[in-house]
Amino acid sequence: MRSPICTMLGIEFPLLAFSHCRDVVAAVSRAGGFGVFGATAHSPESLEQELAWIDAHVDGKPYGIDVLIPENMSTSGERDVTWNSLEARIPQAHRDYTRDLLTRYGITPVTREVADDVPQPFDGTRALELLDVAFRHPIRLIANALGVPPPAMIERGRAHGVPVAALVGAKEHALRQVAAGVDILVVQGTEAGGHCGEVSTMVLVPEVIKAIKDIRDVPVLAAGGIMTGRQMAACMAMGAAGAWTGSVWLATVEAETSEIFREKMIAASSRDAVRSRGRTGKPARQLRSVWTDAWDRAPQSPGALPMPLQSIISRDAFEAIDRAATGGNAQARDLVSYFVGQGVGLIDSVKSAGHVVQEFKEDFIDAVAHMNALLEE
């Protein structure tokens, strides 16, 4: 396919798959797409292990990594902020609210012990350390979300000949990213899972392409709610060079998601994917559950804390929720949730990642043939 993304990344089909699961990343790349490994939650040591595994199972095909370096957090400007130092900042009211919620559903709250030197969630310095690890492997892309990548990230990408991608959710964000020197824009509509803005993919993609047209030639990947090759073709008809996908891989046999969550995805409609601050402190689309309702709708809610403090609360809570649900606590199932986009309404079964890539290719070809037929009539 003659797409600038295919040329830049050395792939045959411009379908990028973001996943926290190494198995999904390797399977997608082997099938002709491009797997992107979500590295944010890793330490340098664990990332080294994951990337070494991908190297051994990707059959020499290209892949990339994604980190998260937010521009704006409640701890911005502070140095040497650790997980444990943030623990002390959690108001007692929020601790009590979380404990009481879990207890009502028969879940025993737990707190995982963390070493004193573990950095805060979404720590920028740790993210750059992860890049140091990644550049020891044959990665072909680095991506950042929640703001303009720091200059050091862009400079390292250039020094290693690796394109730098950045996620944007608004036209003004795209203009800042182009000015900063990023190589690829991932234009993500509000339909997307995880952190997202308020503008739909159908509107945002052409808006960004029009805004940057006369500034610099930066290829755009469309993102947000893309679950099929037909949707991918539609986005490329608007001018996108390919698609960035995430939620569709959560329903694959290789995914890190639990069987319970996959069952809930299959049963869900698109309206069940809601934007909530209850998991990270920033609006992030996820499957609606008792947890999201408790933080966003309940009149007694103390309100979500700003990033990264809310992540301190939710990490231990969701570990307890998932463990209880897997252990047979039927009530706990009502709290099970994960980041997922509005495309969840299109999920009707669990498939292998390779099969999903093949379906994307077939649907894409069918969509192009359909459009060509319209022109011939």
Protein backbone atom coordinates (compact mmCIF):
# COMPACT_ATOMS: atom_id res chain seq x y z
CA MET A 1 0.00 0.00 0.00
CA ARG A 2 1.33 3.44 -0.91
CA SER A 3 0.93 5.15 2.44
CA PRO A 4 3.65 7.31 4.05
CA ILE A 5 3.12 5.32 7.25
CA CYS A 6 4.00 2.08 5.47
CA THR A 7 7.19 3.68 4.18
CA MET A 8 8.16 5.21 7.53
CA LEU A 9 7.56 2.06 9.55
CA GLY A 10 8.40 -0.64 7.03
CA ILE A 11 4.99 -2.31 7.06
CA GLU A 12 2.57 -3.55 4.42
CA PHE A 13 -0.72 -2.39 5.97
CA PRO A 14 -1.02 0.90 7.95
CA LEU A 15 -2.89 -0.58 10.91
CA LEU A 16 -1.25 0.25 14.26
CA ALA A 17 -2.30 -1.67 17.35
CA PHE A 18 -1.68 -0.23 20.80
CA SER A 19 -1.64 -2.86 23.54
CA HIS A 20 -0.22 -3.45 26.99
CA CYS A 21 0.14 -7.11 26.04
CA ARG A 22 3.34 -8.26 24.35
CA ASP A 23 1.52 -11.19 22.73
CA VAL A 24 -0.86 -8.83 20.91
CA VAL A 25 2.02 -6.60 19.76
CA ALA A 26 3.95 -9.53 18.29
CA ALA A 27 0.88 -11.13 16.70
CA VAL A 28 -0.21 -7.92 14.96
CA SER A 29 3.25 -7.19 13.59
CA ARG A 30 3.62 -10.77 12.34
CA ALA A 31 0.29 -10.41 10.54
CA GLY A 32 1.41 -7.34 8.61
CA GLY A 33 0.24 -4.55 10.91
CA PHE A 34 2.33 -2.69 13.48
CA GLY A 35 2.18 -3.49 17.19
CA VAL A 36 2.80 -0.69 19.71
CA PHE A 37 3.66 -1.80 23.24
CA GLY A 38 2.29 0.31 26.10
CA ALA A 39 5.31 0.69 28.37
CA THR A 40 4.14 3.27 30.91
CA ALA A 41 3.49 0.88 33.81
CA HIS A 42 6.86 -0.83 33.49
CA SER A 43 10.19 -0.41 35.21
CA PRO A 44 13.34 -0.39 33.06
CA GLU A 45 14.03 -3.95 34.18
CA SER A 46 10.58 -5.32 33.32
CA LEU A 47 10.51 -3.45 30.01
CA GLU A 48 13.81 -5.06 29.04
CA GLN A 49 12.25 -8.47 29.61
CA GLU A 50 9.12 -7.62 27.61
CA LEU A 51 10.99 -6.19 24.63
CA ALA A 52 13.42 -9.12 24.58
CA TRP A 53 10.39 -11.43 24.40
CA ILE A 54 8.87 -9.40 21.55
CA ASP A 55 12.18 -9.48 19.66
CA ALA A 56 12.17 -13.26 19.92
CA HIS A 57 8.55 -13.68 18.79
CA VAL A 58 7.96 -10.97 16.18
CA ASP A 59 9.75 -12.79 13.35
CA GLY A 60 11.86 -9.74 12.57
CA LYS A 61 8.80 -7.57 11.87
CA PRO A 62 8.78 -3.94 13.11
CA TYR A 63 7.07 -2.71 16.28
CA GLY A 64 7.11 0.36 18.54
CA ILE A 65 6.51 1.50 22.10
CA ASP A 66 4.24 4.05 23.75
CA VAL A 67 4.98 6.02 26.91
CA LEU A 68 2.93 8.57 28.82
CA ILE A 69 4.51 11.90 29.74
CA PRO A 70 1.71 14.28 30.76
CA GLU A 71 2.37 17.98 30.42
CA ASN A 72 -0.02 18.83 33.22
CA MET A 73 -0.23 17.01 36.54
CA SER A 74 -0.78 18.18 40.09
CA THR A 75 2.90 17.42 40.76
CA SER A 76 4.28 19.26 37.72
CA GLY A 77 7.51 21.06 38.57
CA GLU A 78 8.23 18.93 41.63
CA ARG A 79 11.35 16.79 41.69
CA ASP A 80 11.87 13.25 42.99
CA VAL A 81 8.21 12.58 43.70
CA THR A 82 7.73 8.96 44.73
CA TRP A 83 4.69 6.72 44.96
CA ASN A 84 4.96 6.59 48.75
CA SER A 85 5.27 10.36 49.10
CA LEU A 86 2.02 10.71 47.17
CA GLU A 87 0.32 8.18 49.43
CA ALA A 88 0.62 10.70 52.24
CA ARG A 89 -1.29 13.29 50.19
CA ILE A 90 -4.43 11.19 49.77
CA PRO A 91 -7.21 12.76 51.90
CA GLN A 92 -8.71 10.46 54.49
CA ALA A 93 -12.18 11.12 53.05
CA HIS A 94 -11.13 9.56 49.74
CA ARG A 95 -9.59 6.57 51.48
CA ASP A 96 -12.75 6.02 53.52
CA TYR A 97 -14.98 6.39 50.47
CA THR A 98 -12.99 3.80 48.55
CA ARG A 99 -12.88 1.36 51.46
CA ASP A 100 -16.62 1.67 52.11
CA LEU A 101 -17.42 1.14 48.42
CA LEU A 102 -15.37 -2.04 48.20
CA THR A 103 -16.68 -3.37 51.50
CA ARG A 104 -20.30 -2.94 50.34
CA TYR A 105 -19.53 -5.34 47.52
CA GLY A 106 -17.80 -7.93 49.66
CA ILE A 107 -14.29 -6.93 48.61
CA THR A 108 -11.44 -6.77 51.08
CA PRO A 109 -9.37 -3.62 50.50
CA VAL A 110 -5.63 -4.19 50.26
CA THR A 111 -2.60 -1.96 49.91
CA ARG A 112 0.38 -3.24 47.96
CA GLU A 113 3.71 -2.38 49.51
CA VAL A 114 5.86 -0.20 47.25
CA ALA A 115 9.59 0.40 47.59
CA ASP A 116 10.61 3.90 48.66
CA ASP A 117 12.35 4.62 45.36
CA VAL A 118 9.40 3.77 43.08
CA PRO A 119 8.53 6.98 41.19
CA GLN A 120 5.08 8.50 40.95
CA PRO A 121 2.68 7.26 38.26
CA PHE A 122 3.33 8.83 34.84
CA ASP A 123 6.74 10.08 35.94
CA GLY A 124 8.54 11.87 33.08
CA THR A 125 12.03 10.94 34.21
CA ARG A 126 11.08 7.27 34.41
CA ALA A 127 9.60 7.49 30.90
CA LEU A 128 12.92 8.71 29.51
CA GLU A 129 14.65 5.81 31.27
CA LEU A 130 12.24 3.47 29.50
CA LEU A 131 13.25 5.03 26.19
CA ASP A 132 16.89 4.28 27.00
CA VAL A 133 15.91 0.62 27.31
CA ALA A 134 13.77 0.69 24.17
CA PHE A 135 16.55 2.08 21.99
CA ARG A 136 18.59 -1.03 22.77
CA HIS A 137 16.00 -2.93 20.75
CA PRO A 138 15.00 -2.63 17.07
CA ILE A 139 11.97 -0.41 17.69
CA ARG A 140 10.64 1.61 14.76
CA LEU A 141 8.40 4.11 16.60
CA ILE A 142 8.06 5.90 19.92
CA ALA A 143 4.77 7.54 20.87
CA ASN A 144 3.61 9.85 23.63
CA ALA A 145 0.21 10.83 24.95
CA LEU A 146 -1.20 13.65 27.11
CA GLY A 147 0.87 16.47 25.71
CA VAL A 148 3.83 17.52 23.62
CA PRO A 149 6.76 15.11 24.04
CA PRO A 150 9.65 16.69 25.93
CA PRO A 151 12.48 17.91 23.69
CA ALA A 152 14.69 15.07 24.96
CA MET A 153 12.25 12.51 23.59
CA ILE A 154 12.15 14.09 20.15
CA GLU A 155 15.93 14.51 20.09
CA ARG A 156 16.49 10.85 21.02
CA GLY A 157 14.12 9.75 18.33
CA ARG A 158 16.02 11.73 15.71
CA ALA A 159 19.38 10.51 16.95
CA HIS A 160 18.25 6.89 16.58
CA GLY A 161 16.34 7.42 13.34
CA VAL A 162 13.07 6.48 15.02
CA PRO A 163 9.90 8.49 14.22
CA VAL A 164 8.14 10.17 17.15
CA ALA A 165 4.34 10.06 17.26
CA ALA A 166 2.07 12.08 19.51
CA LEU A 167 -1.61 11.72 20.35
CA VAL A 168 -3.84 14.77 19.99
CA GLY A 169 -7.50 15.37 20.77
CA ALA A 170 -7.96 18.88 19.43
CA LYS A 171 -6.79 21.03 16.52
CA GLU A 172 -4.81 23.36 18.76
CA HIS A 173 -2.98 20.38 20.24
CA ALA A 174 -2.01 19.24 16.75
CA LEU A 175 -0.59 22.64 15.87
CA ARG A 176 1.60 22.59 18.98
CA GLN A 177 2.83 19.09 18.18
CA VAL A 178 3.76 20.04 14.61
CA ALA A 179 5.63 23.09 15.89
CA ALA A 180 7.51 20.88 18.36
CA GLY A 181 8.74 18.62 15.57
CA VAL A 182 6.83 15.35 15.95
CA ASP A 183 6.88 13.03 12.94
CA ILE A 184 3.40 11.48 13.14
CA LEU A 185 0.12 12.75 14.58
CA VAL A 186 -2.30 10.28 16.13
CA VAL A 187 -5.57 12.20 15.86
CA GLN A 188 -7.80 10.64 18.48
CA GLY A 189 -11.50 11.33 18.68
CA THR A 190 -13.62 11.16 21.78
CA GLU A 191 -14.79 7.64 20.84
CA ALA A 192 -11.41 6.30 21.93
CA GLY A 193 -10.68 4.32 25.05
CA GLY A 194 -8.46 5.85 27.72
CA HIS A 195 -7.65 9.54 27.88
CA CYS A 196 -9.54 11.38 25.19
CA GLY A 197 -11.04 14.75 24.32
CA GLU A 198 -14.55 15.76 23.32
CA VAL A 199 -14.46 15.99 19.50
CA SER A 200 -15.49 13.02 17.35
CA THR A 201 -13.05 11.23 15.06
CA MET A 202 -15.17 12.05 11.99
CA VAL A 203 -14.80 15.77 12.70
CA LEU A 204 -11.34 15.91 14.23
CA VAL A 205 -9.36 14.07 11.54
CA PRO A 206 -10.24 16.39 8.63
CA GLU A 207 -10.04 19.43 10.93
CA VAL A 208 -6.45 18.61 11.89
CA ILE A 209 -5.42 17.72 8.33
CA LYS A 210 -6.74 21.06 7.10
CA ALA A 211 -5.04 22.98 9.93
CA ILE A 212 -1.55 21.55 9.37
CA LYS A 213 -1.66 21.34 5.57
CA ASP A 214 0.30 24.53 4.89
CA ILE A 215 2.66 24.21 7.87
CA ARG A 216 4.44 20.88 7.51
CA ASP A 217 3.74 17.53 5.89
CA VAL A 218 3.01 15.32 8.90
CA PRO A 219 1.14 12.05 8.30
CA VAL A 220 -2.00 11.57 10.36
CA LEU A 221 -3.19 8.34 11.92
CA ALA A 222 -6.91 8.33 12.70
CA ALA A 223 -7.89 6.96 16.12
CA GLY A 224 -11.04 6.59 18.15
CA GLY A 225 -13.71 3.93 17.76
CA ILE A 226 -12.02 2.21 14.81
CA MET A 227 -12.90 -1.48 15.03
CA THR A 228 -13.16 -2.53 11.37
CA GLY A 229 -11.37 -2.17 8.06
CA ARG A 230 -14.35 -0.28 6.67
CA GLN A 231 -13.96 2.39 9.33
CA MET A 232 -10.24 2.50 8.58
CA ALA A 233 -10.97 3.01 4.87
CA ALA A 234 -13.40 5.81 5.73
CA CYS A 235 -10.75 7.60 7.76
CA MET A 236 -8.20 7.23 4.98
CA ALA A 237 -10.78 8.62 2.54
CA MET A 238 -10.76 11.74 4.75
CA GLY A 239 -6.99 12.01 4.34
CA ALA A 240 -5.55 9.88 7.12
CA ALA A 241 -2.47 7.79 6.29
CA GLY A 242 -3.60 4.87 8.43
CA ALA A 243 -5.33 3.91 11.68
CA TRP A 244 -4.28 3.71 15.31
CA THR A 245 -6.40 1.19 17.22
CA GLY A 246 -6.64 -0.03 20.79
CA SER A 247 -9.98 -1.29 22.08
CA VAL A 248 -10.43 -3.92 19.37
CA TRP A 249 -7.41 -5.83 20.71
CA LEU A 250 -8.86 -6.09 24.22
CA ALA A 251 -11.24 -8.77 22.96
CA THR A 252 -8.52 -11.01 21.55
CA VAL A 253 -7.36 -14.28 23.04
CA GLU A 254 -3.87 -12.84 23.57
CA ALA A 255 -5.01 -9.72 25.47
CA GLU A 256 -4.20 -8.96 29.09
CA THR A 257 -7.89 -8.50 29.91
CA SER A 258 -9.68 -10.95 32.18
CA GLU A 259 -12.32 -13.37 30.98
CA ILE A 260 -14.86 -11.46 33.06
CA PHE A 261 -14.04 -8.17 31.36
CA ARG A 262 -14.18 -9.75 27.92
CA GLU A 263 -17.64 -11.10 28.75
CA LYS A 264 -18.71 -7.61 29.82
CA MET A 265 -17.35 -6.13 26.58
CA ILE A 266 -19.37 -8.54 24.46
CA ALA A 267 -22.51 -7.67 26.44
CA ALA A 268 -21.88 -3.89 26.31
CA SER A 269 -23.26 -1.27 23.95
CA SER A 270 -21.39 1.79 22.72
CA ARG A 271 -23.16 3.89 25.36
CA ASP A 272 -21.56 1.81 28.10
CA ALA A 273 -18.14 3.36 27.38
CA VAL A 274 -18.09 6.53 29.47
CA ARG A 275 -15.58 9.30 30.14
CA SER A 276 -14.70 9.26 33.83
CA ARG A 277 -12.07 10.81 36.08
CA GLY A 278 -12.46 7.99 38.58
CA ARG A 279 -9.45 5.96 37.46
CA THR A 280 -6.65 8.47 36.72
CA GLY A 281 -7.96 11.90 37.63
CA LYS A 282 -8.26 12.97 33.98
CA PRO A 283 -11.21 12.19 31.70
CA ALA A 284 -10.60 8.66 30.41
CA ARG A 285 -13.12 6.52 28.54
CA GLN A 286 -13.74 3.16 30.19
CA LEU A 287 -16.48 0.61 30.65
CA ARG A 288 -19.19 1.96 32.91
CA SER A 289 -19.37 0.16 36.23
CA VAL A 290 -20.30 0.68 39.86
CA TRP A 291 -16.86 2.28 40.24
CA THR A 292 -17.39 4.96 37.58
CA ASP A 293 -20.90 5.70 38.84
CA ALA A 294 -19.64 5.98 42.41
CA TRP A 295 -17.09 8.65 41.49
CA ASP A 296 -19.01 10.53 38.82
CA ARG A 297 -22.69 10.26 39.75
CA ALA A 298 -23.10 9.48 43.44
CA PRO A 299 -24.07 12.57 45.46
CA GLN A 300 -21.83 11.48 48.33
CA SER A 301 -18.73 11.20 46.11
CA PRO A 302 -15.80 13.33 47.31
CA GLY A 303 -14.82 13.82 43.66
CA ALA A 304 -11.84 12.36 41.87
CA LEU A 305 -8.42 13.64 42.85
CA PRO A 306 -6.16 15.21 40.19
CA MET A 307 -3.63 13.08 38.29
CA PRO A 308 -1.59 11.29 39.58
CA LEU A 309 -3.27 11.06 43.00
CA GLN A 310 -6.39 9.28 41.76
CA SER A 311 -4.19 6.56 40.27
CA ILE A 312 -2.80 5.86 43.73
CA ILE A 313 -6.34 5.11 44.92
CA SER A 314 -7.53 3.16 41.90
CA ARG A 315 -4.54 0.84 41.46
CA ASP A 316 -5.00 -1.01 44.75
CA ALA A 317 -8.78 -0.88 44.42
CA PHE A 318 -8.85 -2.52 41.00
CA GLU A 319 -6.35 -5.16 42.01
CA ALA A 320 -8.73 -6.09 44.85
CA ILE A 321 -11.79 -5.91 42.54
CA ASP A 322 -10.27 -8.15 39.87
CA ARG A 323 -8.98 -10.64 42.40
CA ALA A 324 -12.36 -10.87 44.11
CA ALA A 325 -14.26 -11.22 40.83
CA THR A 326 -11.91 -13.90 39.54
CA GLY A 327 -12.23 -15.68 42.88
CA GLY A 328 -15.99 -16.04 42.49
CA ASN A 329 -17.39 -12.93 44.18
CA ALA A 330 -20.43 -12.24 41.98
CA GLN A 331 -20.91 -8.77 43.46
CA ALA A 332 -17.37 -7.77 42.50
CA ARG A 333 -18.20 -8.27 38.81
CA ASP A 334 -20.28 -5.09 38.98
CA LEU A 335 -17.12 -3.08 39.67
CA VAL A 336 -14.91 -4.73 37.04
CA SER A 337 -13.89 -2.17 34.44
CA TYR A 338 -11.06 -1.18 32.12
CA PHE A 339 -10.24 1.47 29.55
CA VAL A 340 -12.28 0.88 26.38
CA GLY A 341 -13.74 3.03 23.63
CA GLN A 342 -17.23 3.37 22.20
CA GLY A 343 -16.35 0.78 19.58
CA VAL A 344 -17.02 -1.80 22.32
CA GLY A 345 -20.55 -1.95 20.92
CA LEU A 346 -19.14 -3.65 17.81
CA ILE A 347 -17.47 -6.47 19.75
CA ASP A 348 -19.45 -9.70 19.55
CA SER A 349 -16.83 -12.39 20.12
CA VAL A 350 -13.24 -13.12 21.16
CA LYS A 351 -10.80 -13.75 18.29
CA SER A 352 -7.07 -14.09 17.81
CA ALA A 353 -5.13 -10.89 17.09
CA GLY A 354 -3.92 -12.30 13.78
CA HIS A 355 -7.49 -13.02 12.74
CA VAL A 356 -8.50 -9.45 13.58
CA VAL A 357 -5.72 -8.09 11.35
CA GLN A 358 -6.91 -10.30 8.50
CA GLU A 359 -10.49 -9.11 8.99
CA PHE A 360 -9.28 -5.50 8.84
CA LYS A 361 -7.55 -6.18 5.52
CA GLU A 362 -10.58 -7.91 4.02
CA ASP A 363 -13.02 -5.23 5.23
CA PHE A 364 -10.73 -2.50 3.93
CA ILE A 365 -10.57 -4.09 0.47
CA ASP A 366 -14.36 -4.52 0.42
CA ALA A 367 -14.86 -0.86 1.35
CA VAL A 368 -12.53 0.37 -1.38
CA ALA A 369 -14.23 -1.90 -3.91
CA HIS A 370 -17.62 -0.54 -2.84
CA MET A 371 -16.50 3.05 -3.37
CA ASN A 372 -14.96 2.23 -6.73
CA ALA A 373 -18.22 0.58 -7.80
CA LEU A 374 -20.13 3.72 -6.92
CA LEU A 375 -17.92 5.73 -9.25
CA GLU A 376 -18.46 3.28 -12.10
CA GLU A 377 -22.25 3.37 -11.98
